[in-house]
Amino acid sequence: MRDKRGGVPEWDELLKCKCDIDATLQELMDNRLVWNEARFCFVQERDKNLGGNSLYRSEERIAAEKRHLKRKWKSHIRLETYKSQDRTAMDVPRRQSVKL
């Protein structure tokens, strides 16, 4: 959803750990445009680092947020585990076909 301040996206206040996933899908739904920056790669332990929102993060909280995302986005999101790490995939069909 957009607020009244000139198109700034509103964040889902129920989410503390997985809010970036929700914001990206919301932006796809509203504007159909997301920039995927793929020049850099970071390898890290997800949901285990200190700092940031680690005060709010717990296994129960993360599981609850995943359930919330799955209910909200239904078939447009896949939450999987790969090599003991979480993996998220977004399945959003294009409105126009890509012809190369």
Protein backbone atom coordinates (compact mmCIF):
# COMPACT_ATOMS: atom_id res chain seq x y z
CA MET A 1 0.00 0.00 0.00
CA ARG A 2 1.09 3.56 -0.62
CA ASP A 3 0.86 6.31 1.90
CA LYS A 4 -0.01 9.95 1.33
CA ARG A 5 3.62 11.16 1.29
CA GLY A 6 4.34 10.81 -2.41
CA GLY A 7 4.49 7.10 -3.09
CA VAL A 8 6.61 5.85 -0.20
CA PRO A 9 5.77 2.17 0.40
CA GLU A 10 4.25 1.27 3.74
CA TRP A 11 5.91 -1.62 5.56
CA ASP A 12 3.89 -4.42 7.14
CA GLU A 13 4.21 -3.59 10.84
CA LEU A 14 3.57 -7.22 11.79
CA LEU A 15 6.89 -8.25 10.24
CA LYS A 16 10.21 -7.63 11.97
CA CYS A 17 12.48 -10.27 10.38
CA LYS A 18 11.09 -11.01 6.91
CA CYS A 19 9.82 -7.54 5.98
CA ASP A 20 12.10 -7.23 2.91
CA ILE A 21 10.40 -10.19 1.24
CA ASP A 22 6.97 -8.67 1.80
CA ALA A 23 8.09 -5.21 0.62
CA THR A 24 9.52 -6.64 -2.61
CA LEU A 25 6.34 -8.55 -3.43
CA GLN A 26 4.22 -5.50 -2.58
CA GLU A 27 6.34 -3.36 -4.92
CA LEU A 28 5.94 -5.95 -7.69
CA MET A 29 2.18 -5.90 -7.19
CA ASP A 30 1.92 -2.08 -7.08
CA ASN A 31 4.47 -0.99 -9.68
CA ARG A 32 5.52 -4.22 -11.43
CA LEU A 33 9.13 -3.11 -11.17
CA VAL A 34 11.93 -4.35 -8.90
CA TRP A 35 15.62 -3.79 -9.52
CA ASN A 36 17.64 -6.99 -9.00
CA GLU A 37 21.23 -6.04 -8.24
CA ALA A 38 23.24 -9.18 -8.99
CA ARG A 39 26.79 -7.82 -9.23
CA PHE A 40 27.63 -8.68 -5.65
CA CYS A 41 27.40 -11.84 -3.57
CA PHE A 42 27.34 -12.09 0.20
CA VAL A 43 27.61 -15.40 2.01
CA GLN A 44 26.31 -15.25 5.55
CA GLU A 45 24.47 -17.21 8.17
CA ARG A 46 20.86 -16.06 7.86
CA ASP A 47 18.92 -15.18 10.99
CA LYS A 48 21.88 -15.94 13.27
CA ASN A 49 23.95 -12.72 13.27
CA LEU A 50 23.93 -10.23 16.13
CA GLY A 51 22.92 -6.61 15.73
CA GLY A 52 20.10 -5.05 13.75
CA ASN A 53 16.81 -6.60 14.76
CA SER A 54 18.39 -9.58 16.57
CA LEU A 55 16.61 -8.45 19.76
CA TYR A 56 13.28 -9.39 18.11
CA ARG A 57 14.44 -12.49 16.25
CA SER A 58 13.69 -16.01 17.48
CA GLU A 59 12.93 -19.30 15.77
CA GLU A 60 9.28 -18.94 16.78
CA ARG A 61 9.09 -15.38 15.43
CA ILE A 62 10.67 -16.37 12.11
CA ALA A 63 8.32 -19.36 11.76
CA ALA A 64 5.30 -17.13 12.51
CA GLU A 65 6.43 -14.55 9.93
CA LYS A 66 6.89 -17.27 7.30
CA ARG A 67 3.33 -18.47 7.97
CA HIS A 68 2.08 -14.87 7.68
CA LEU A 69 3.90 -14.40 4.34
CA LYS A 70 2.54 -17.71 3.00
CA ARG A 71 -1.04 -16.75 3.96
CA LYS A 72 -0.68 -13.27 2.49
CA TRP A 73 1.06 -14.14 -0.80
CA LYS A 74 -0.23 -17.71 -1.33
CA SER A 75 1.18 -19.19 -4.56
CA HIS A 76 3.40 -16.16 -5.27
CA ILE A 77 5.97 -17.16 -2.66
CA ARG A 78 7.95 -20.34 -2.01
CA LEU A 79 9.76 -20.73 1.30
CA GLU A 80 12.22 -23.63 1.22
CA THR A 81 15.26 -24.94 3.07
CA TYR A 82 18.46 -25.69 1.17
CA LYS A 83 21.63 -26.93 2.90
CA SER A 84 20.15 -25.93 6.27
CA GLN A 85 19.59 -22.35 5.03
CA ASP A 86 16.30 -20.65 4.20
CA ARG A 87 15.58 -19.91 0.57
CA THR A 88 12.80 -17.68 -0.72
CA ALA A 89 11.51 -17.68 -4.27
CA MET A 90 8.95 -15.30 -5.69
CA ASP A 91 6.65 -16.56 -8.43
CA VAL A 92 5.06 -13.53 -10.06
CA PRO A 93 3.96 -13.98 -13.68
CA ARG A 94 4.82 -11.26 -16.17
CA ARG A 95 2.02 -9.28 -17.78
CA GLN A 96 3.95 -9.11 -21.05
CA SER A 97 6.02 -11.88 -22.57
CA VAL A 98 9.73 -11.41 -23.04
CA LYS A 99 10.90 -11.79 -26.64
CA LEU A 100 14.61 -11.90 -27.24
